[in-house]
């Protein structure tokens, strides 16, 4: 973590690193994080990319959607993560209505995320409609990751979290959007909840890496929400989620044992007091 000497720190992952990983056929690992402690753990474990997602709205703040997150919220969470990270590339979501109105406002939002939070890149949802905005941000020297398919900030427009681009027309538009984002200068694109064959087609049609979530194995990398893959969240079980731990049960048991020991007078014992 941040207390390491410069000599002992691992080589930093950059936007160019992940582009080169696609070229070499090396899969990219990406997880979300929202706080210093969790970010430090997954960075030390060797994850390539950390996304400070506006999914913090759901897993940290308890909101039903990502819409309530503000730029100030995201700057706070991102700054916590950045302070813990030595190796991983840290990408921060620009939240709803921080980039959709004008390209100038989007550039200001992205600039604040870089200057105030220390993010290494920002992520925006959308395709053709936001490609001029993406270009404006990239031209200012700020790396941008795109996001296509299911775009949670637009949930009230879609009205559902079901798989996107199953119909031919929407699938063709998604491919066009991916190419538009590539031309605008994104260094990577998240593909969320789209059919695996379509994700494969997009991955093969663009030179930048694709990161899948519910988009099959042919993407250049994968991302999951940390709280979901660690089993902290018991209520969310989509097909694409693989739980690598059951921390909900472990933590519940630990808290119950603590309560029992306090109630019985067993904690603290003589070795646990001054």
C-alpha atoms as a PDB file:
ATOM      1  CA  UNK A   1       0.000   0.000   0.000  1.00  0.00           C
ATOM      2  CA  UNK A   2       1.030   3.671   0.232  1.00  0.00           C
ATOM      3  CA  UNK A   3       3.624   3.024   2.976  1.00  0.00           C
ATOM      4  CA  UNK A   4       5.816   0.981   0.601  1.00  0.00           C
ATOM      5  CA  UNK A   5       9.096   2.409  -0.631  1.00  0.00           C
ATOM      6  CA  UNK A   6       9.213   3.449  -4.278  1.00  0.00           C
ATOM      7  CA  UNK A   7      11.656   0.616  -4.991  1.00  0.00           C
ATOM      8  CA  UNK A   8       9.255  -2.050  -3.710  1.00  0.00           C
ATOM      9  CA  UNK A   9       6.131  -0.811  -5.455  1.00  0.00           C
ATOM     10  CA  UNK A  10       4.843  -2.901  -8.386  1.00  0.00           C
ATOM     11  CA  UNK A  11       4.764  -1.537 -11.908  1.00  0.00           C
ATOM     12  CA  UNK A  12       1.738   0.692 -12.407  1.00  0.00           C
ATOM     13  CA  UNK A  13      -1.093  -0.355 -14.706  1.00  0.00           C
ATOM     14  CA  UNK A  14      -1.932   2.422 -17.162  1.00  0.00           C
ATOM     15  CA  UNK A  15      -4.433   2.894 -19.960  1.00  0.00           C
ATOM     16  CA  UNK A  16      -1.715   1.841 -22.380  1.00  0.00           C
ATOM     17  CA  UNK A  17      -1.101  -1.294 -20.317  1.00  0.00           C
ATOM     18  CA  UNK A  18      -4.668  -2.531 -20.814  1.00  0.00           C
ATOM     19  CA  UNK A  19      -4.589  -1.729 -24.536  1.00  0.00           C
ATOM     20  CA  UNK A  20      -1.391  -3.758 -24.800  1.00  0.00           C
ATOM     21  CA  UNK A  21      -3.016  -6.595 -22.829  1.00  0.00           C
ATOM     22  CA  UNK A  22      -5.695  -6.856 -25.519  1.00  0.00           C
ATOM     23  CA  UNK A  23      -3.033  -6.943 -28.216  1.00  0.00           C
ATOM     24  CA  UNK A  24      -1.231  -9.782 -26.406  1.00  0.00           C
ATOM     25  CA  UNK A  25      -4.448 -11.683 -25.694  1.00  0.00           C
ATOM     26  CA  UNK A  26      -4.036 -11.307 -21.927  1.00  0.00           C
ATOM     27  CA  UNK A  27      -7.342 -11.054 -20.054  1.00  0.00           C
ATOM     28  CA  UNK A  28      -7.976  -7.932 -17.939  1.00  0.00           C
ATOM     29  CA  UNK A  29      -9.299  -8.258 -14.380  1.00  0.00           C
ATOM     30  CA  UNK A  30     -11.452  -5.429 -13.024  1.00  0.00           C
ATOM     31  CA  UNK A  31     -13.393  -5.000  -9.784  1.00  0.00           C
ATOM     32  CA  UNK A  32     -15.236  -2.139  -8.138  1.00  0.00           C
ATOM     33  CA  UNK A  33     -14.153  -0.518  -4.880  1.00  0.00           C
ATOM     34  CA  UNK A  34     -15.431   2.469  -2.964  1.00  0.00           C
ATOM     35  CA  UNK A  35     -13.245   2.807   0.154  1.00  0.00           C
ATOM     36  CA  UNK A  36      -9.615   2.780   1.282  1.00  0.00           C
ATOM     37  CA  UNK A  37      -9.555  -0.605   3.037  1.00  0.00           C
ATOM     38  CA  UNK A  38     -11.223  -2.685   0.326  1.00  0.00           C
ATOM     39  CA  UNK A  39      -9.268  -0.946  -2.443  1.00  0.00           C
ATOM     40  CA  UNK A  40      -5.998  -1.705  -0.679  1.00  0.00           C
ATOM     41  CA  UNK A  41      -6.886  -5.384  -0.377  1.00  0.00           C
ATOM     42  CA  UNK A  42      -7.807  -5.936  -4.013  1.00  0.00           C
ATOM     43  CA  UNK A  43      -4.908  -3.823  -5.265  1.00  0.00           C
ATOM     44  CA  UNK A  44      -2.434  -5.885  -3.218  1.00  0.00           C
ATOM     45  CA  UNK A  45      -4.109  -9.061  -4.529  1.00  0.00           C
ATOM     46  CA  UNK A  46      -3.169  -7.984  -8.051  1.00  0.00           C
ATOM     47  CA  UNK A  47      -6.337  -6.785  -9.773  1.00  0.00           C
ATOM     48  CA  UNK A  48      -5.526  -4.834 -12.945  1.00  0.00           C
ATOM     49  CA  UNK A  49      -8.249  -2.179 -12.868  1.00  0.00           C
ATOM     50  CA  UNK A  50     -10.369  -0.746 -10.065  1.00  0.00           C
ATOM     51  CA  UNK A  51     -13.626   0.941 -11.015  1.00  0.00           C
ATOM     52  CA  UNK A  52     -15.040   3.406  -8.538  1.00  0.00           C
ATOM     53  CA  UNK A  53     -18.529   2.806  -9.819  1.00  0.00           C
ATOM     54  CA  UNK A  54     -21.649   4.828  -9.222  1.00  0.00           C
ATOM     55  CA  UNK A  55     -22.912   1.437  -8.013  1.00  0.00           C
ATOM     56  CA  UNK A  56     -21.764   2.918  -4.693  1.00  0.00           C
ATOM     57  CA  UNK A  57     -25.285   4.334  -4.767  1.00  0.00           C
ATOM     58  CA  UNK A  58     -26.643   0.802  -4.298  1.00  0.00           C
ATOM     59  CA  UNK A  59     -24.055  -1.024  -2.190  1.00  0.00           C
ATOM     60  CA  UNK A  60     -22.774   1.842  -0.029  1.00  0.00           C
ATOM     61  CA  UNK A  61     -25.698   4.278   0.211  1.00  0.00           C
ATOM     62  CA  UNK A  62     -28.679   1.930  -0.121  1.00  0.00           C
ATOM     63  CA  UNK A  63     -30.390   3.667  -3.029  1.00  0.00           C
ATOM     64  CA  UNK A  64     -32.448   1.640  -5.500  1.00  0.00           C
ATOM     65  CA  UNK A  65     -30.679   3.062  -8.583  1.00  0.00           C
ATOM     66  CA  UNK A  66     -27.433   4.847  -9.432  1.00  0.00           C
ATOM     67  CA  UNK A  67     -29.263   8.058 -10.320  1.00  0.00           C
ATOM     68  CA  UNK A  68     -28.966   9.789  -6.896  1.00  0.00           C
ATOM     69  CA  UNK A  69     -25.145   9.812  -6.912  1.00  0.00           C
ATOM     70  CA  UNK A  70     -23.599  13.272  -7.225  1.00  0.00           C
ATOM     71  CA  UNK A  71     -20.210  14.341  -8.495  1.00  0.00           C
ATOM     72  CA  UNK A  72     -19.230  15.215  -4.924  1.00  0.00           C
ATOM     73  CA  UNK A  73     -20.151  11.697  -3.774  1.00  0.00           C
ATOM     74  CA  UNK A  74     -18.024  10.173  -6.519  1.00  0.00           C
ATOM     75  CA  UNK A  75     -15.065  12.459  -5.842  1.00  0.00           C
ATOM     76  CA  UNK A  76     -15.149  11.421  -2.177  1.00  0.00           C
ATOM     77  CA  UNK A  77     -15.265   7.668  -2.908  1.00  0.00           C
ATOM     78  CA  UNK A  78     -12.623   7.930  -5.624  1.00  0.00           C
ATOM     79  CA  UNK A  79     -10.201   9.855  -3.418  1.00  0.00           C
ATOM     80  CA  UNK A  80     -10.544   7.154  -0.731  1.00  0.00           C
ATOM     81  CA  UNK A  81      -9.690   4.445  -3.273  1.00  0.00           C
ATOM     82  CA  UNK A  82      -6.784   6.305  -4.885  1.00  0.00           C
ATOM     83  CA  UNK A  83      -5.037   6.726  -1.522  1.00  0.00           C
ATOM     84  CA  UNK A  84      -4.925   2.930  -1.106  1.00  0.00           C
ATOM     85  CA  UNK A  85      -3.707   1.931  -4.551  1.00  0.00           C
ATOM     86  CA  UNK A  86      -0.148   1.337  -5.723  1.00  0.00           C
ATOM     87  CA  UNK A  87      -0.577  -0.754  -8.890  1.00  0.00           C
ATOM     88  CA  UNK A  88      -4.111  -0.815 -10.319  1.00  0.00           C
ATOM     89  CA  UNK A  89      -5.527   1.631 -12.842  1.00  0.00           C
ATOM     90  CA  UNK A  90      -8.290   3.586 -11.053  1.00  0.00           C
ATOM     91  CA  UNK A  91     -11.280   4.604 -13.184  1.00  0.00           C
ATOM     92  CA  UNK A  92     -14.129   6.691 -11.798  1.00  0.00           C
ATOM     93  CA  UNK A  93     -17.705   6.850 -13.055  1.00  0.00           C
ATOM     94  CA  UNK A  94     -19.000  10.275 -13.918  1.00  0.00           C
ATOM     95  CA  UNK A  95     -22.461  10.204 -12.318  1.00  0.00           C
ATOM     96  CA  UNK A  96     -25.845  10.963 -13.849  1.00  0.00           C
ATOM     97  CA  UNK A  97     -26.214  14.542 -15.128  1.00  0.00           C
ATOM     98  CA  UNK A  98     -22.562  15.435 -14.574  1.00  0.00           C
ATOM     99  CA  UNK A  99     -21.772  15.085 -18.304  1.00  0.00           C
ATOM    100  CA  UNK A 100     -25.029  14.844 -20.295  1.00  0.00           C
ATOM    101  CA  UNK A 101     -25.969  18.538 -20.577  1.00  0.00           C
ATOM    102  CA  UNK A 102     -22.983  20.028 -22.420  1.00  0.00           C
ATOM    103  CA  UNK A 103     -19.499  18.927 -23.393  1.00  0.00           C
ATOM    104  CA  UNK A 104     -18.111  21.876 -21.431  1.00  0.00           C
ATOM    105  CA  UNK A 105     -19.846  20.748 -18.239  1.00  0.00           C
ATOM    106  CA  UNK A 106     -18.627  17.200 -18.856  1.00  0.00           C
ATOM    107  CA  UNK A 107     -15.052  18.417 -19.213  1.00  0.00           C
ATOM    108  CA  UNK A 108     -15.317  20.350 -15.958  1.00  0.00           C
ATOM    109  CA  UNK A 109     -16.695  17.256 -14.188  1.00  0.00           C
ATOM    110  CA  UNK A 110     -13.944  15.037 -15.579  1.00  0.00           C
ATOM    111  CA  UNK A 111     -11.313  17.610 -14.643  1.00  0.00           C
ATOM    112  CA  UNK A 112     -12.561  17.731 -11.067  1.00  0.00           C
ATOM    113  CA  UNK A 113     -12.459  13.939 -10.870  1.00  0.00           C
ATOM    114  CA  UNK A 114      -8.814  13.975 -11.946  1.00  0.00           C
ATOM    115  CA  UNK A 115      -7.653  17.001  -9.911  1.00  0.00           C
ATOM    116  CA  UNK A 116      -9.662  16.586  -6.701  1.00  0.00           C
ATOM    117  CA  UNK A 117      -9.984  12.804  -6.505  1.00  0.00           C
ATOM    118  CA  UNK A 118      -6.818  11.698  -8.286  1.00  0.00           C
ATOM    119  CA  UNK A 119      -8.580   9.348 -10.711  1.00  0.00           C
ATOM    120  CA  UNK A 120      -6.515   7.962 -13.585  1.00  0.00           C
ATOM    121  CA  UNK A 121      -9.466   7.933 -16.009  1.00  0.00           C
ATOM    122  CA  UNK A 122     -13.238   8.459 -16.119  1.00  0.00           C
ATOM    123  CA  UNK A 123     -16.101   6.326 -17.429  1.00  0.00           C
ATOM    124  CA  UNK A 124     -19.180   7.602 -19.282  1.00  0.00           C
ATOM    125  CA  UNK A 125     -22.315   5.756 -20.345  1.00  0.00           C
ATOM    126  CA  UNK A 126     -23.686   6.052 -23.878  1.00  0.00           C
ATOM    127  CA  UNK A 127     -22.791   5.790 -27.539  1.00  0.00           C
ATOM    128  CA  UNK A 128     -23.140   8.055 -30.564  1.00  0.00           C
ATOM    129  CA  UNK A 129     -24.903  10.828 -28.637  1.00  0.00           C
ATOM    130  CA  UNK A 130     -22.018  11.348 -26.239  1.00  0.00           C
ATOM    131  CA  UNK A 131     -19.133  10.695 -28.662  1.00  0.00           C
ATOM    132  CA  UNK A 132     -18.473  14.458 -29.185  1.00  0.00           C
ATOM    133  CA  UNK A 133     -18.328  14.847 -25.404  1.00  0.00           C
ATOM    134  CA  UNK A 134     -15.913  11.937 -25.132  1.00  0.00           C
ATOM    135  CA  UNK A 135     -13.679  13.513 -27.779  1.00  0.00           C
ATOM    136  CA  UNK A 136     -13.702  16.849 -25.943  1.00  0.00           C
ATOM    137  CA  UNK A 137     -12.590  15.169 -22.714  1.00  0.00           C
ATOM    138  CA  UNK A 138      -9.952  13.011 -24.420  1.00  0.00           C
ATOM    139  CA  UNK A 139      -8.605  16.015 -26.326  1.00  0.00           C
ATOM    140  CA  UNK A 140      -8.068  17.707 -22.957  1.00  0.00           C
ATOM    141  CA  UNK A 141      -5.791  14.839 -21.921  1.00  0.00           C
ATOM    142  CA  UNK A 142      -8.228  12.865 -19.779  1.00  0.00           C
ATOM    143  CA  UNK A 143      -8.552   9.133 -20.574  1.00  0.00           C
ATOM    144  CA  UNK A 144     -12.130   7.904 -21.056  1.00  0.00           C
ATOM    145  CA  UNK A 145     -13.680   4.445 -20.790  1.00  0.00           C
ATOM    146  CA  UNK A 146     -16.990   3.939 -22.587  1.00  0.00           C
ATOM    147  CA  UNK A 147     -20.007   1.924 -21.434  1.00  0.00           C
ATOM    148  CA  UNK A 148     -22.588   0.311 -23.728  1.00  0.00           C
ATOM    149  CA  UNK A 149     -25.450  -2.160 -23.423  1.00  0.00           C
ATOM    150  CA  UNK A 150     -27.328  -1.912 -20.169  1.00  0.00           C
ATOM    151  CA  UNK A 151     -26.535   1.586 -18.919  1.00  0.00           C
ATOM    152  CA  UNK A 152     -27.862   1.861 -15.348  1.00  0.00           C
ATOM    153  CA  UNK A 153     -28.055   5.668 -15.364  1.00  0.00           C
ATOM    154  CA  UNK A 154     -30.752   5.329 -18.049  1.00  0.00           C
ATOM    155  CA  UNK A 155     -32.855   2.817 -16.092  1.00  0.00           C
ATOM    156  CA  UNK A 156     -35.915   5.078 -16.108  1.00  0.00           C
ATOM    157  CA  UNK A 157     -35.676   5.284 -19.902  1.00  0.00           C
ATOM    158  CA  UNK A 158     -35.355   1.506 -20.355  1.00  0.00           C
ATOM    159  CA  UNK A 159     -37.652   0.617 -17.461  1.00  0.00           C
ATOM    160  CA  UNK A 160     -35.910  -2.715 -16.912  1.00  0.00           C
ATOM    161  CA  UNK A 161     -32.551  -4.319 -16.123  1.00  0.00           C
ATOM    162  CA  UNK A 162     -33.085  -7.055 -18.710  1.00  0.00           C
ATOM    163  CA  UNK A 163     -30.516  -7.992 -21.363  1.00  0.00           C
ATOM    164  CA  UNK A 164     -30.029  -5.291 -24.000  1.00  0.00           C
ATOM    165  CA  UNK A 165     -29.482  -5.521 -27.781  1.00  0.00           C
ATOM    166  CA  UNK A 166     -31.201  -8.866 -28.295  1.00  0.00           C
ATOM    167  CA  UNK A 167     -32.999  -7.478 -31.345  1.00  0.00           C
ATOM    168  CA  UNK A 168     -31.074  -6.972 -34.591  1.00  0.00           C
ATOM    169  CA  UNK A 169     -31.654  -3.228 -34.846  1.00  0.00           C
ATOM    170  CA  UNK A 170     -30.368  -2.463 -31.358  1.00  0.00           C
ATOM    171  CA  UNK A 171     -27.452  -4.879 -31.833  1.00  0.00           C
ATOM    172  CA  UNK A 172     -26.391  -3.133 -35.030  1.00  0.00           C
ATOM    173  CA  UNK A 173     -26.630   0.246 -33.303  1.00  0.00           C
ATOM    174  CA  UNK A 174     -24.482  -0.991 -30.428  1.00  0.00           C
ATOM    175  CA  UNK A 175     -21.731  -2.029 -32.844  1.00  0.00           C
ATOM    176  CA  UNK A 176     -21.909   1.401 -34.490  1.00  0.00           C
ATOM    177  CA  UNK A 177     -21.785   3.057 -31.063  1.00  0.00           C
ATOM    178  CA  UNK A 178     -18.683   1.060 -30.113  1.00  0.00           C
ATOM    179  CA  UNK A 179     -16.924   2.205 -33.265  1.00  0.00           C
ATOM    180  CA  UNK A 180     -18.021   5.812 -32.646  1.00  0.00           C
ATOM    181  CA  UNK A 181     -16.560   5.665 -29.133  1.00  0.00           C
ATOM    182  CA  UNK A 182     -13.338   4.189 -30.490  1.00  0.00           C
ATOM    183  CA  UNK A 183     -13.081   7.036 -33.023  1.00  0.00           C
ATOM    184  CA  UNK A 184     -13.755   9.544 -30.228  1.00  0.00           C
ATOM    185  CA  UNK A 185     -10.710   8.209 -28.384  1.00  0.00           C
ATOM    186  CA  UNK A 186     -11.862   5.869 -25.602  1.00  0.00           C
ATOM    187  CA  UNK A 187      -9.177   3.456 -24.393  1.00  0.00           C
ATOM    188  CA  UNK A 188     -11.679   0.759 -23.390  1.00  0.00           C
ATOM    189  CA  UNK A 189     -15.411  -0.045 -23.415  1.00  0.00           C
ATOM    190  CA  UNK A 190     -17.555  -1.793 -20.801  1.00  0.00           C
ATOM    191  CA  UNK A 191     -20.195  -4.073 -22.336  1.00  0.00           C
ATOM    192  CA  UNK A 192     -22.963  -4.749 -19.825  1.00  0.00           C
ATOM    193  CA  UNK A 193     -25.629  -7.423 -20.103  1.00  0.00           C
ATOM    194  CA  UNK A 194     -25.678  -8.046 -23.830  1.00  0.00           C
ATOM    195  CA  UNK A 195     -25.740 -11.388 -25.714  1.00  0.00           C
ATOM    196  CA  UNK A 196     -22.356 -13.126 -25.722  1.00  0.00           C
ATOM    197  CA  UNK A 197     -22.191 -13.474 -29.557  1.00  0.00           C
ATOM    198  CA  UNK A 198     -22.743  -9.719 -29.909  1.00  0.00           C
ATOM    199  CA  UNK A 199     -20.060  -8.959 -27.306  1.00  0.00           C
ATOM    200  CA  UNK A 200     -17.668 -11.188 -29.264  1.00  0.00           C
ATOM    201  CA  UNK A 201     -18.490  -9.314 -32.459  1.00  0.00           C
ATOM    202  CA  UNK A 202     -17.892  -5.937 -30.811  1.00  0.00           C
ATOM    203  CA  UNK A 203     -14.643  -7.131 -29.240  1.00  0.00           C
ATOM    204  CA  UNK A 204     -13.347  -8.243 -32.623  1.00  0.00           C
ATOM    205  CA  UNK A 205     -14.449  -5.059 -34.387  1.00  0.00           C
ATOM    206  CA  UNK A 206     -12.647  -2.513 -32.176  1.00  0.00           C
ATOM    207  CA  UNK A 207      -8.970  -2.126 -31.348  1.00  0.00           C
ATOM    208  CA  UNK A 208      -9.588  -1.076 -27.725  1.00  0.00           C
ATOM    209  CA  UNK A 209     -10.275  -3.597 -24.930  1.00  0.00           C
ATOM    210  CA  UNK A 210     -13.816  -4.578 -24.015  1.00  0.00           C
ATOM    211  CA  UNK A 211     -14.671  -5.334 -20.395  1.00  0.00           C
ATOM    212  CA  UNK A 212     -17.704  -7.538 -19.944  1.00  0.00           C
ATOM    213  CA  UNK A 213     -20.262  -7.847 -17.187  1.00  0.00           C
ATOM    214  CA  UNK A 214     -22.899 -10.339 -18.205  1.00  0.00           C
ATOM    215  CA  UNK A 215     -21.531 -10.251 -21.756  1.00  0.00           C
ATOM    216  CA  UNK A 216     -19.791 -13.606 -22.080  1.00  0.00           C
ATOM    217  CA  UNK A 217     -16.244 -14.927 -22.107  1.00  0.00           C
ATOM    218  CA  UNK A 218     -15.025 -13.386 -25.364  1.00  0.00           C
ATOM    219  CA  UNK A 219     -14.590  -9.877 -23.974  1.00  0.00           C
ATOM    220  CA  UNK A 220     -10.998  -8.797 -23.317  1.00  0.00           C
ATOM    221  CA  UNK A 221     -11.678  -8.580 -19.582  1.00  0.00           C
ATOM    222  CA  UNK A 222     -14.336  -8.937 -16.928  1.00  0.00           C
ATOM    223  CA  UNK A 223     -15.698  -6.761 -14.122  1.00  0.00           C
ATOM    224  CA  UNK A 224     -17.871  -7.529 -11.102  1.00  0.00           C
ATOM    225  CA  UNK A 225     -19.123  -5.456  -8.197  1.00  0.00           C
ATOM    226  CA  UNK A 226     -16.874  -6.356  -5.254  1.00  0.00           C
ATOM    227  CA  UNK A 227     -19.723  -6.672  -2.749  1.00  0.00           C
ATOM    228  CA  UNK A 228     -21.493  -9.120  -5.059  1.00  0.00           C
ATOM    229  CA  UNK A 229     -18.540 -11.397  -5.817  1.00  0.00           C
ATOM    230  CA  UNK A 230     -17.544 -11.530  -2.123  1.00  0.00           C
ATOM    231  CA  UNK A 231     -21.046 -12.596  -1.128  1.00  0.00           C
ATOM    232  CA  UNK A 232     -21.702  -9.521   1.011  1.00  0.00           C
ATOM    233  CA  UNK A 233     -24.896  -8.897  -0.942  1.00  0.00           C
ATOM    234  CA  UNK A 234     -27.309 -11.847  -0.635  1.00  0.00           C
ATOM    235  CA  UNK A 235     -30.221 -10.293  -2.540  1.00  0.00           C
ATOM    236  CA  UNK A 236     -28.614  -9.948  -5.984  1.00  0.00           C
ATOM    237  CA  UNK A 237     -28.180 -13.162  -7.986  1.00  0.00           C
ATOM    238  CA  UNK A 238     -28.026 -12.559 -11.757  1.00  0.00           C
ATOM    239  CA  UNK A 239     -26.826 -15.340 -14.039  1.00  0.00           C
ATOM    240  CA  UNK A 240     -23.477 -13.631 -14.686  1.00  0.00           C
ATOM    241  CA  UNK A 241     -22.501 -13.388 -10.997  1.00  0.00           C
ATOM    242  CA  UNK A 242     -20.064 -15.914  -9.541  1.00  0.00           C
ATOM    243  CA  UNK A 243     -19.646 -15.597  -5.766  1.00  0.00           C
ATOM    244  CA  UNK A 244     -16.070 -16.268  -4.667  1.00  0.00           C
ATOM    245  CA  UNK A 245     -16.846 -16.020  -0.928  1.00  0.00           C
ATOM    246  CA  UNK A 246     -19.759 -15.920   1.495  1.00  0.00           C
ATOM    247  CA  UNK A 247     -18.739 -12.978   3.632  1.00  0.00           C
ATOM    248  CA  UNK A 248     -22.325 -12.234   4.578  1.00  0.00           C
ATOM    249  CA  UNK A 249     -22.500 -15.488   6.552  1.00  0.00           C
ATOM    250  CA  UNK A 250     -18.936 -15.133   7.897  1.00  0.00           C
ATOM    251  CA  UNK A 251     -19.537 -11.608   9.138  1.00  0.00           C
ATOM    252  CA  UNK A 252     -22.935 -12.461  10.605  1.00  0.00           C
ATOM    253  CA  UNK A 253     -21.372 -15.347  12.533  1.00  0.00           C
ATOM    254  CA  UNK A 254     -18.491 -13.195  13.750  1.00  0.00           C
ATOM    255  CA  UNK A 255     -20.836 -10.475  15.014  1.00  0.00           C
ATOM    256  CA  UNK A 256     -23.066 -13.035  16.739  1.00  0.00           C
ATOM    257  CA  UNK A 257     -20.026 -14.583  18.481  1.00  0.00           C
ATOM    258  CA  UNK A 258     -18.891 -11.130  19.604  1.00  0.00           C
ATOM    259  CA  UNK A 259     -22.333 -10.354  21.027  1.00  0.00           C
ATOM    260  CA  UNK A 260     -22.393 -13.715  22.836  1.00  0.00           C
ATOM    261  CA  UNK A 261     -18.951 -13.144  24.358  1.00  0.00           C
ATOM    262  CA  UNK A 262     -19.850  -9.632  25.519  1.00  0.00           C
ATOM    263  CA  UNK A 263     -23.144 -10.809  27.039  1.00  0.00           C
ATOM    264  CA  UNK A 264     -21.457 -13.710  28.854  1.00  0.00           C
ATOM    265  CA  UNK A 265     -18.595 -11.602  30.177  1.00  0.00           C
ATOM    266  CA  UNK A 266     -16.024 -13.652  28.252  1.00  0.00           C
ATOM    267  CA  UNK A 267     -14.828 -10.598  26.304  1.00  0.00           C
ATOM    268  CA  UNK A 268     -12.534  -8.987  27.222  1.00  0.00           C
ATOM    269  CA  UNK A 269     -10.540 -11.574  29.193  1.00  0.00           C
ATOM    270  CA  UNK A 270      -7.467 -10.849  31.348  1.00  0.00           C
ATOM    271  CA  UNK A 271      -5.141 -10.915  28.328  1.00  0.00           C
ATOM    272  CA  UNK A 272      -7.303  -8.382  26.508  1.00  0.00           C
ATOM    273  CA  UNK A 273      -7.183  -5.601  29.083  1.00  0.00           C
ATOM    274  CA  UNK A 274      -4.581  -3.209  30.501  1.00  0.00           C
END
